[in-house]
Amino acid sequence: MNTKQEVNTKELGEILLDVAELLMNYGASSNRIRLTVSRISESYGYQSNLLIINTAITIFLNKSDEEIYNSLRRTSPPMVNFRIVSGISRMSWSVAESIWTLDQIRAELKRLKSLPHYNRWLVLSLVSLAGASFCRIFEGNALEMAVAFVATFVGLFVRQELIKHKLMLYVTIYIAAFAASFVAGAAAKFFPQSSMEHAFAASVLFLIPGVPLINSSSDVLDGNILTGLSRGINALIIGFAISLGILTTTLIFN
């Protein structure tokens, strides 16, 4: 049976903010963030309340109905890494079921953040293969599938390079969409016997903001209207950036 231990309130609050920030940054919904943070805080006898918006998280900790800690943390541009999200979720259940010190939680968070990413070239190859597969679903022929593969590969490679230089998210999406669709547009010029319509459509599918759209819908249905709307608007702007990249290529190749 888990016996609640006395901990430093400020240290616990900072750790809970770390947990919430990581979950927010790596693709968790607002409801999952609240449940995970509450599970950890209740293990130490605290009640936690979170105010989550798209760019910041505010936490309020109280014990015996007396507010004793509150703080705000700005979040980074979102990325998707479900290894970290699921790792934090498993950690929260372990904290709830057994006695963990705050140092143990810090060490586990540090370990999760240091987990290696998948090999870059493997990701490029598999995502490009997915693009070619979507092209086949759209009834594209073998040539169009090959073009979709190359276009997706180039677009994702460009996006990864721009992320390294910490360029603005929407500008990154625009340039990546332009690079991918440009390859498909150029192929249509080299192979006039094929319109490359299917390859052109499939080349930018890797940029579609699926996770933000799903989280937006989930947040709205859970009653987190403000967070859901902000995430939805963010996804719409990403969609606009993709469309703008395609439009630029269309204007170049007429």
C-alpha atoms as a PDB file:
ATOM      1  CA  MET A   1       0.000   0.000   0.000  1.00  0.00           C
ATOM      2  CA  ASN A   2       1.343   3.419  -0.958  1.00  0.00           C
ATOM      3  CA  THR A   3       1.999   5.680   2.043  1.00  0.00           C
ATOM      4  CA  LYS A   4       1.955   9.379   1.209  1.00  0.00           C
ATOM      5  CA  GLN A   5       5.270  11.015   1.990  1.00  0.00           C
ATOM      6  CA  GLU A   6       6.056  14.619   2.805  1.00  0.00           C
ATOM      7  CA  VAL A   7       7.772  16.464  -0.039  1.00  0.00           C
ATOM      8  CA  ASN A   8       8.871  19.996  -0.773  1.00  0.00           C
ATOM      9  CA  THR A   9       5.853  21.688  -2.340  1.00  0.00           C
ATOM     10  CA  LYS A  10       7.840  23.906  -4.697  1.00  0.00           C
ATOM     11  CA  GLU A  11       9.946  20.985  -5.930  1.00  0.00           C
ATOM     12  CA  LEU A  12       6.813  18.907  -6.519  1.00  0.00           C
ATOM     13  CA  GLY A  13       5.186  21.801  -8.396  1.00  0.00           C
ATOM     14  CA  GLU A  14       8.213  22.217 -10.664  1.00  0.00           C
ATOM     15  CA  ILE A  15       8.276  18.482 -11.412  1.00  0.00           C
ATOM     16  CA  LEU A  16       4.569  18.484 -12.223  1.00  0.00           C
ATOM     17  CA  LEU A  17       5.127  21.420 -14.574  1.00  0.00           C
ATOM     18  CA  ASP A  18       7.930  19.439 -16.230  1.00  0.00           C
ATOM     19  CA  VAL A  19       5.553  16.524 -16.700  1.00  0.00           C
ATOM     20  CA  ALA A  20       2.774  18.728 -18.095  1.00  0.00           C
ATOM     21  CA  GLU A  21       5.165  20.572 -20.410  1.00  0.00           C
ATOM     22  CA  LEU A  22       6.606  17.351 -21.851  1.00  0.00           C
ATOM     23  CA  LEU A  23       3.156  15.898 -22.436  1.00  0.00           C
ATOM     24  CA  MET A  24       1.977  19.115 -24.085  1.00  0.00           C
ATOM     25  CA  ASN A  25       5.065  19.381 -26.281  1.00  0.00           C
ATOM     26  CA  TYR A  26       4.918  15.784 -27.478  1.00  0.00           C
ATOM     27  CA  GLY A  27       1.288  15.412 -28.489  1.00  0.00           C
ATOM     28  CA  ALA A  28      -0.889  14.576 -25.447  1.00  0.00           C
ATOM     29  CA  SER A  29      -4.438  15.862 -25.135  1.00  0.00           C
ATOM     30  CA  SER A  30      -5.385  18.279 -22.344  1.00  0.00           C
ATOM     31  CA  ASN A  31      -7.435  15.635 -20.552  1.00  0.00           C
ATOM     32  CA  ARG A  32      -4.509  13.194 -20.536  1.00  0.00           C
ATOM     33  CA  ILE A  33      -2.199  15.910 -19.174  1.00  0.00           C
ATOM     34  CA  ARG A  34      -4.608  16.685 -16.328  1.00  0.00           C
ATOM     35  CA  LEU A  35      -5.146  13.032 -15.427  1.00  0.00           C
ATOM     36  CA  THR A  36      -1.415  12.262 -15.406  1.00  0.00           C
ATOM     37  CA  VAL A  37      -0.501  15.321 -13.321  1.00  0.00           C
ATOM     38  CA  SER A  38      -3.368  14.668 -10.885  1.00  0.00           C
ATOM     39  CA  ARG A  39      -2.333  11.023 -10.503  1.00  0.00           C
ATOM     40  CA  ILE A  40       1.181  12.065  -9.455  1.00  0.00           C
ATOM     41  CA  SER A  41       0.142  14.958  -7.203  1.00  0.00           C
ATOM     42  CA  GLU A  42      -2.471  12.872  -5.357  1.00  0.00           C
ATOM     43  CA  SER A  43       0.220  10.305  -4.593  1.00  0.00           C
ATOM     44  CA  TYR A  44       1.790  12.941  -2.328  1.00  0.00           C
ATOM     45  CA  GLY A  45      -1.478  14.191  -0.841  1.00  0.00           C
ATOM     46  CA  TYR A  46      -1.886  17.276  -3.063  1.00  0.00           C
ATOM     47  CA  GLN A  47      -4.700  18.409  -5.311  1.00  0.00           C
ATOM     48  CA  SER A  48      -3.624  19.929  -8.624  1.00  0.00           C
ATOM     49  CA  ASN A  49      -5.471  22.186 -11.039  1.00  0.00           C
ATOM     50  CA  LEU A  50      -4.129  23.078 -14.464  1.00  0.00           C
ATOM     51  CA  LEU A  51      -4.908  25.917 -16.821  1.00  0.00           C
ATOM     52  CA  ILE A  52      -3.751  24.833 -20.261  1.00  0.00           C
ATOM     53  CA  ILE A  53      -3.528  27.026 -23.329  1.00  0.00           C
ATOM     54  CA  ASN A  54      -1.618  26.450 -26.541  1.00  0.00           C
ATOM     55  CA  THR A  55       1.509  28.340 -25.428  1.00  0.00           C
ATOM     56  CA  ALA A  56       1.567  28.001 -21.633  1.00  0.00           C
ATOM     57  CA  ILE A  57       0.548  25.877 -18.656  1.00  0.00           C
ATOM     58  CA  THR A  58      -0.378  27.208 -15.216  1.00  0.00           C
ATOM     59  CA  ILE A  59      -0.524  24.898 -12.194  1.00  0.00           C
ATOM     60  CA  PHE A  60      -2.246  25.431  -8.841  1.00  0.00           C
ATOM     61  CA  LEU A  61      -1.355  23.060  -6.001  1.00  0.00           C
ATOM     62  CA  ASN A  62      -3.321  22.909  -2.780  1.00  0.00           C
ATOM     63  CA  LYS A  63      -3.549  20.784   0.334  1.00  0.00           C
ATOM     64  CA  SER A  64      -6.516  20.753   2.714  1.00  0.00           C
ATOM     65  CA  ASP A  65      -8.323  23.353   0.544  1.00  0.00           C
ATOM     66  CA  GLU A  66      -5.536  25.895   1.014  1.00  0.00           C
ATOM     67  CA  GLU A  67      -3.678  27.079  -2.093  1.00  0.00           C
ATOM     68  CA  ILE A  68       0.009  26.807  -1.356  1.00  0.00           C
ATOM     69  CA  TYR A  69       1.736  26.889  -4.759  1.00  0.00           C
ATOM     70  CA  ASN A  70       1.113  28.232  -8.231  1.00  0.00           C
ATOM     71  CA  SER A  71       3.376  28.781 -11.222  1.00  0.00           C
ATOM     72  CA  LEU A  72       3.333  29.238 -15.010  1.00  0.00           C
ATOM     73  CA  ARG A  73       5.452  27.562 -17.670  1.00  0.00           C
ATOM     74  CA  ARG A  74       5.634  28.473 -21.360  1.00  0.00           C
ATOM     75  CA  THR A  75       5.546  25.524 -23.759  1.00  0.00           C
ATOM     76  CA  SER A  76       7.607  24.906 -26.889  1.00  0.00           C
ATOM     77  CA  PRO A  77       6.245  24.367 -30.410  1.00  0.00           C
ATOM     78  CA  PRO A  78       4.592  20.932 -30.421  1.00  0.00           C
ATOM     79  CA  MET A  79       6.287  17.806 -31.780  1.00  0.00           C
ATOM     80  CA  VAL A  80       4.983  14.254 -31.815  1.00  0.00           C
ATOM     81  CA  ASN A  81       6.800  11.649 -29.738  1.00  0.00           C
ATOM     82  CA  PHE A  82       4.479   9.046 -28.262  1.00  0.00           C
ATOM     83  CA  ARG A  83       7.396   7.151 -26.702  1.00  0.00           C
ATOM     84  CA  ILE A  84       7.759   9.995 -24.203  1.00  0.00           C
ATOM     85  CA  VAL A  85       3.987  10.360 -23.720  1.00  0.00           C
ATOM     86  CA  SER A  86       3.496   6.657 -22.992  1.00  0.00           C
ATOM     87  CA  GLY A  87       6.658   6.581 -20.843  1.00  0.00           C
ATOM     88  CA  ILE A  88       5.381   9.400 -18.635  1.00  0.00           C
ATOM     89  CA  SER A  89       1.991   7.696 -18.360  1.00  0.00           C
ATOM     90  CA  ARG A  90       3.612   4.446 -17.176  1.00  0.00           C
ATOM     91  CA  MET A  91       5.755   6.431 -14.745  1.00  0.00           C
ATOM     92  CA  SER A  92       2.690   8.132 -13.240  1.00  0.00           C
ATOM     93  CA  TRP A  93       1.077   4.761 -12.515  1.00  0.00           C
ATOM     94  CA  SER A  94       4.286   3.532 -10.902  1.00  0.00           C
ATOM     95  CA  VAL A  95       4.375   6.650  -8.711  1.00  0.00           C
ATOM     96  CA  ALA A  96       0.748   6.064  -7.708  1.00  0.00           C
ATOM     97  CA  GLU A  97       1.289   2.392  -6.886  1.00  0.00           C
ATOM     98  CA  SER A  98       4.612   2.616  -5.045  1.00  0.00           C
ATOM     99  CA  ILE A  99       6.672   5.144  -3.137  1.00  0.00           C
ATOM    100  CA  TRP A 100       8.810   7.229  -5.469  1.00  0.00           C
ATOM    101  CA  THR A 101      11.012  10.065  -4.329  1.00  0.00           C
ATOM    102  CA  LEU A 102      11.117  13.304  -6.310  1.00  0.00           C
ATOM    103  CA  ASP A 103      14.680  12.469  -7.327  1.00  0.00           C
ATOM    104  CA  GLN A 104      13.447   9.220  -8.863  1.00  0.00           C
ATOM    105  CA  ILE A 105      10.880  11.117 -10.915  1.00  0.00           C
ATOM    106  CA  ARG A 106      13.519  13.608 -12.059  1.00  0.00           C
ATOM    107  CA  ALA A 107      15.816  10.759 -13.085  1.00  0.00           C
ATOM    108  CA  GLU A 108      13.029   9.040 -15.040  1.00  0.00           C
ATOM    109  CA  LEU A 109      12.074  12.262 -16.838  1.00  0.00           C
ATOM    110  CA  LYS A 110      15.723  12.816 -17.714  1.00  0.00           C
ATOM    111  CA  ARG A 111      15.950   9.254 -19.046  1.00  0.00           C
ATOM    112  CA  LEU A 112      12.818   9.663 -21.159  1.00  0.00           C
ATOM    113  CA  LYS A 113      14.059  12.931 -22.661  1.00  0.00           C
ATOM    114  CA  SER A 114      17.377  11.297 -23.549  1.00  0.00           C
ATOM    115  CA  LEU A 115      15.812   8.362 -25.408  1.00  0.00           C
ATOM    116  CA  PRO A 116      17.267   8.175 -28.914  1.00  0.00           C
ATOM    117  CA  HIS A 117      15.059   9.043 -31.852  1.00  0.00           C
ATOM    118  CA  TYR A 118      14.503   6.625 -34.681  1.00  0.00           C
ATOM    119  CA  ASN A 119      17.244   6.612 -37.288  1.00  0.00           C
ATOM    120  CA  ARG A 120      16.771   9.626 -39.553  1.00  0.00           C
ATOM    121  CA  TRP A 121      17.230   7.734 -42.806  1.00  0.00           C
ATOM    122  CA  LEU A 122      14.837   5.015 -41.669  1.00  0.00           C
ATOM    123  CA  VAL A 123      12.192   7.659 -40.949  1.00  0.00           C
ATOM    124  CA  LEU A 124      12.786   9.338 -44.313  1.00  0.00           C
ATOM    125  CA  SER A 125      12.517   6.034 -46.149  1.00  0.00           C
ATOM    126  CA  LEU A 126       9.401   4.778 -44.371  1.00  0.00           C
ATOM    127  CA  VAL A 127       7.528   8.087 -44.584  1.00  0.00           C
ATOM    128  CA  SER A 128       8.406   8.290 -48.286  1.00  0.00           C
ATOM    129  CA  LEU A 129       7.161   4.734 -48.741  1.00  0.00           C
ATOM    130  CA  ALA A 130       3.915   5.774 -47.066  1.00  0.00           C
ATOM    131  CA  GLY A 131       3.636   8.662 -49.530  1.00  0.00           C
ATOM    132  CA  ALA A 132       4.097   6.269 -52.448  1.00  0.00           C
ATOM    133  CA  SER A 133       1.481   3.951 -50.929  1.00  0.00           C
ATOM    134  CA  PHE A 134      -1.037   6.778 -50.675  1.00  0.00           C
ATOM    135  CA  CYS A 135      -0.312   7.564 -54.311  1.00  0.00           C
ATOM    136  CA  ARG A 136      -1.187   3.961 -55.175  1.00  0.00           C
ATOM    137  CA  ILE A 137      -4.415   4.262 -53.172  1.00  0.00           C
ATOM    138  CA  PHE A 138      -5.225   7.319 -55.304  1.00  0.00           C
ATOM    139  CA  GLU A 139      -4.800   4.964 -58.307  1.00  0.00           C
ATOM    140  CA  GLY A 140      -1.419   6.317 -59.332  1.00  0.00           C
ATOM    141  CA  ASN A 141       0.781   4.220 -61.590  1.00  0.00           C
ATOM    142  CA  ALA A 142       4.308   2.971 -60.877  1.00  0.00           C
ATOM    143  CA  LEU A 143       5.929   6.139 -62.250  1.00  0.00           C
ATOM    144  CA  GLU A 144       3.732   8.372 -60.099  1.00  0.00           C
ATOM    145  CA  MET A 145       4.497   6.229 -57.050  1.00  0.00           C
ATOM    146  CA  ALA A 146       8.232   6.659 -57.660  1.00  0.00           C
ATOM    147  CA  VAL A 147       7.804  10.420 -58.011  1.00  0.00           C
ATOM    148  CA  ALA A 148       5.682  10.545 -54.823  1.00  0.00           C
ATOM    149  CA  PHE A 149       8.420   8.654 -52.983  1.00  0.00           C
ATOM    150  CA  VAL A 150      11.141  11.084 -54.103  1.00  0.00           C
ATOM    151  CA  ALA A 151       8.963  14.162 -53.522  1.00  0.00           C
ATOM    152  CA  THR A 152       8.056  13.056 -49.991  1.00  0.00           C
ATOM    153  CA  PHE A 153      11.685  12.226 -49.239  1.00  0.00           C
ATOM    154  CA  VAL A 154      12.860  15.667 -50.395  1.00  0.00           C
ATOM    155  CA  GLY A 155      10.072  17.514 -48.575  1.00  0.00           C
ATOM    156  CA  LEU A 156      10.656  15.719 -45.275  1.00  0.00           C
ATOM    157  CA  PHE A 157      14.424  16.134 -45.566  1.00  0.00           C
ATOM    158  CA  VAL A 158      13.987  19.884 -46.093  1.00  0.00           C
ATOM    159  CA  ARG A 159      11.627  20.091 -43.126  1.00  0.00           C
ATOM    160  CA  GLN A 160      14.085  18.286 -40.846  1.00  0.00           C
ATOM    161  CA  GLU A 161      16.888  20.621 -41.876  1.00  0.00           C
ATOM    162  CA  LEU A 162      14.752  23.711 -41.267  1.00  0.00           C
ATOM    163  CA  ILE A 163      13.719  22.412 -37.827  1.00  0.00           C
ATOM    164  CA  LYS A 164      17.417  22.144 -36.936  1.00  0.00           C
ATOM    165  CA  HIS A 165      17.764  25.866 -37.689  1.00  0.00           C
ATOM    166  CA  LYS A 166      14.694  26.600 -35.499  1.00  0.00           C
ATOM    167  CA  LEU A 167      12.833  28.382 -38.263  1.00  0.00           C
ATOM    168  CA  MET A 168       9.249  29.449 -37.557  1.00  0.00           C
ATOM    169  CA  LEU A 169       6.880  26.468 -37.744  1.00  0.00           C
ATOM    170  CA  TYR A 170       4.580  27.840 -40.431  1.00  0.00           C
ATOM    171  CA  VAL A 171       7.472  28.964 -42.620  1.00  0.00           C
ATOM    172  CA  THR A 172       8.996  25.492 -42.247  1.00  0.00           C
ATOM    173  CA  ILE A 173       5.730  23.861 -43.334  1.00  0.00           C
ATOM    174  CA  TYR A 174       5.400  26.224 -46.313  1.00  0.00           C
ATOM    175  CA  ILE A 175       8.940  25.571 -47.584  1.00  0.00           C
ATOM    176  CA  ALA A 176       8.617  21.799 -47.070  1.00  0.00           C
ATOM    177  CA  ALA A 177       5.290  21.739 -48.947  1.00  0.00           C
ATOM    178  CA  PHE A 178       6.813  23.796 -51.739  1.00  0.00           C
ATOM    179  CA  ALA A 179       9.869  21.507 -51.976  1.00  0.00           C
ATOM    180  CA  ALA A 180       7.763  18.330 -52.115  1.00  0.00           C
ATOM    181  CA  SER A 181       5.234  19.644 -54.615  1.00  0.00           C
ATOM    182  CA  PHE A 182       8.022  21.220 -56.712  1.00  0.00           C
ATOM    183  CA  VAL A 183       9.560  17.779 -57.259  1.00  0.00           C
ATOM    184  CA  ALA A 184       6.186  16.419 -58.414  1.00  0.00           C
ATOM    185  CA  GLY A 185       5.625  19.466 -60.619  1.00  0.00           C
ATOM    186  CA  ALA A 186       9.065  19.161 -62.178  1.00  0.00           C
ATOM    187  CA  ALA A 187       8.424  15.466 -62.863  1.00  0.00           C
ATOM    188  CA  ALA A 188       5.272  16.402 -64.755  1.00  0.00           C
ATOM    189  CA  LYS A 189       7.414  18.542 -67.062  1.00  0.00           C
ATOM    190  CA  PHE A 190       9.948  15.763 -67.606  1.00  0.00           C
ATOM    191  CA  PHE A 191       7.221  13.179 -68.226  1.00  0.00           C
ATOM    192  CA  PRO A 192       4.549  15.059 -70.203  1.00  0.00           C
ATOM    193  CA  GLN A 193       2.715  11.805 -70.928  1.00  0.00           C
ATOM    194  CA  SER A 194       1.708  11.714 -67.238  1.00  0.00           C
ATOM    195  CA  SER A 195      -0.042  14.568 -65.426  1.00  0.00           C
ATOM    196  CA  MET A 196       1.415  13.454 -62.059  1.00  0.00           C
ATOM    197  CA  GLU A 197      -1.806  14.510 -60.351  1.00  0.00           C
ATOM    198  CA  HIS A 198      -1.744  11.595 -57.933  1.00  0.00           C
ATOM    199  CA  ALA A 199       1.924  12.085 -57.071  1.00  0.00           C
ATOM    200  CA  PHE A 200       1.318  15.816 -56.652  1.00  0.00           C
ATOM    201  CA  ALA A 201      -1.523  15.181 -54.179  1.00  0.00           C
ATOM    202  CA  ALA A 202       0.351  12.494 -52.227  1.00  0.00           C
ATOM    203  CA  SER A 203       3.641  14.400 -51.973  1.00  0.00           C
ATOM    204  CA  VAL A 204       2.483  16.709 -49.143  1.00  0.00           C
ATOM    205  CA  LEU A 205       0.395  14.276 -47.085  1.00  0.00           C
ATOM    206  CA  PHE A 206       3.226  13.832 -44.554  1.00  0.00           C
ATOM    207  CA  LEU A 207       2.648  17.446 -43.496  1.00  0.00           C
ATOM    208  CA  ILE A 208      -1.042  17.038 -42.634  1.00  0.00           C
ATOM    209  CA  PRO A 209      -1.439  17.965 -38.922  1.00  0.00           C
ATOM    210  CA  GLY A 210      -3.288  14.825 -37.843  1.00  0.00           C
ATOM    211  CA  VAL A 211      -2.329  14.867 -34.145  1.00  0.00           C
ATOM    212  CA  PRO A 212      -3.218  18.577 -33.597  1.00  0.00           C
ATOM    213  CA  LEU A 213      -6.590  18.013 -35.300  1.00  0.00           C
ATOM    214  CA  ILE A 214      -7.342  14.934 -33.189  1.00  0.00           C
ATOM    215  CA  ASN A 215      -6.269  16.701 -29.973  1.00  0.00           C
ATOM    216  CA  SER A 216      -8.337  19.741 -30.932  1.00  0.00           C
ATOM    217  CA  SER A 217     -11.466  17.620 -31.353  1.00  0.00           C
ATOM    218  CA  SER A 218     -10.721  15.694 -28.152  1.00  0.00           C
ATOM    219  CA  ASP A 219     -10.225  18.891 -26.146  1.00  0.00           C
ATOM    220  CA  VAL A 220     -13.474  20.430 -27.388  1.00  0.00           C
ATOM    221  CA  LEU A 221     -15.439  17.256 -26.619  1.00  0.00           C
ATOM    222  CA  ASP A 222     -13.872  17.127 -23.126  1.00  0.00           C
ATOM    223  CA  GLY A 223     -14.943  20.716 -22.465  1.00  0.00           C
ATOM    224  CA  ASN A 224     -11.502  22.289 -22.909  1.00  0.00           C
ATOM    225  CA  ILE A 225     -12.905  24.769 -25.406  1.00  0.00           C
ATOM    226  CA  LEU A 226     -10.125  27.384 -25.314  1.00  0.00           C
ATOM    227  CA  THR A 227      -7.308  24.860 -25.735  1.00  0.00           C
ATOM    228  CA  GLY A 228      -9.240  22.933 -28.386  1.00  0.00           C
ATOM    229  CA  LEU A 229      -9.942  26.051 -30.433  1.00  0.00           C
ATOM    230  CA  SER A 230      -6.338  27.257 -30.223  1.00  0.00           C
ATOM    231  CA  ARG A 231      -5.058  23.859 -31.335  1.00  0.00           C
ATOM    232  CA  GLY A 232      -7.626  23.762 -34.120  1.00  0.00           C
ATOM    233  CA  ILE A 233      -6.632  27.209 -35.353  1.00  0.00           C
ATOM    234  CA  ASN A 234      -2.981  26.167 -35.249  1.00  0.00           C
ATOM    235  CA  ALA A 235      -3.832  23.136 -37.420  1.00  0.00           C
ATOM    236  CA  LEU A 236      -5.766  25.337 -39.849  1.00  0.00           C
ATOM    237  CA  ILE A 237      -2.785  27.681 -40.227  1.00  0.00           C
ATOM    238  CA  ILE A 238      -0.570  24.670 -40.924  1.00  0.00           C
ATOM    239  CA  GLY A 239      -3.074  23.591 -43.575  1.00  0.00           C
ATOM    240  CA  PHE A 240      -2.978  27.080 -45.077  1.00  0.00           C
ATOM    241  CA  ALA A 241       0.842  26.957 -45.189  1.00  0.00           C
ATOM    242  CA  ILE A 242       0.668  23.615 -47.022  1.00  0.00           C
ATOM    243  CA  SER A 243      -1.820  25.045 -49.507  1.00  0.00           C
ATOM    244  CA  LEU A 244       0.377  28.079 -50.052  1.00  0.00           C
ATOM    245  CA  GLY A 245       3.371  25.861 -50.823  1.00  0.00           C
ATOM    246  CA  ILE A 246       1.325  23.896 -53.369  1.00  0.00           C
ATOM    247  CA  LEU A 247      -0.012  27.122 -54.869  1.00  0.00           C
ATOM    248  CA  THR A 248       3.522  28.467 -55.333  1.00  0.00           C
ATOM    249  CA  THR A 249       4.508  25.343 -57.270  1.00  0.00           C
ATOM    250  CA  THR A 250       1.302  25.509 -59.328  1.00  0.00           C
ATOM    251  CA  LEU A 251       2.042  29.112 -60.316  1.00  0.00           C
ATOM    252  CA  ILE A 252       5.630  28.237 -61.289  1.00  0.00           C
ATOM    253  CA  PHE A 253       4.652  25.293 -63.504  1.00  0.00           C
ATOM    254  CA  ASN A 254       1.328  26.760 -64.640  1.00  0.00           C
END
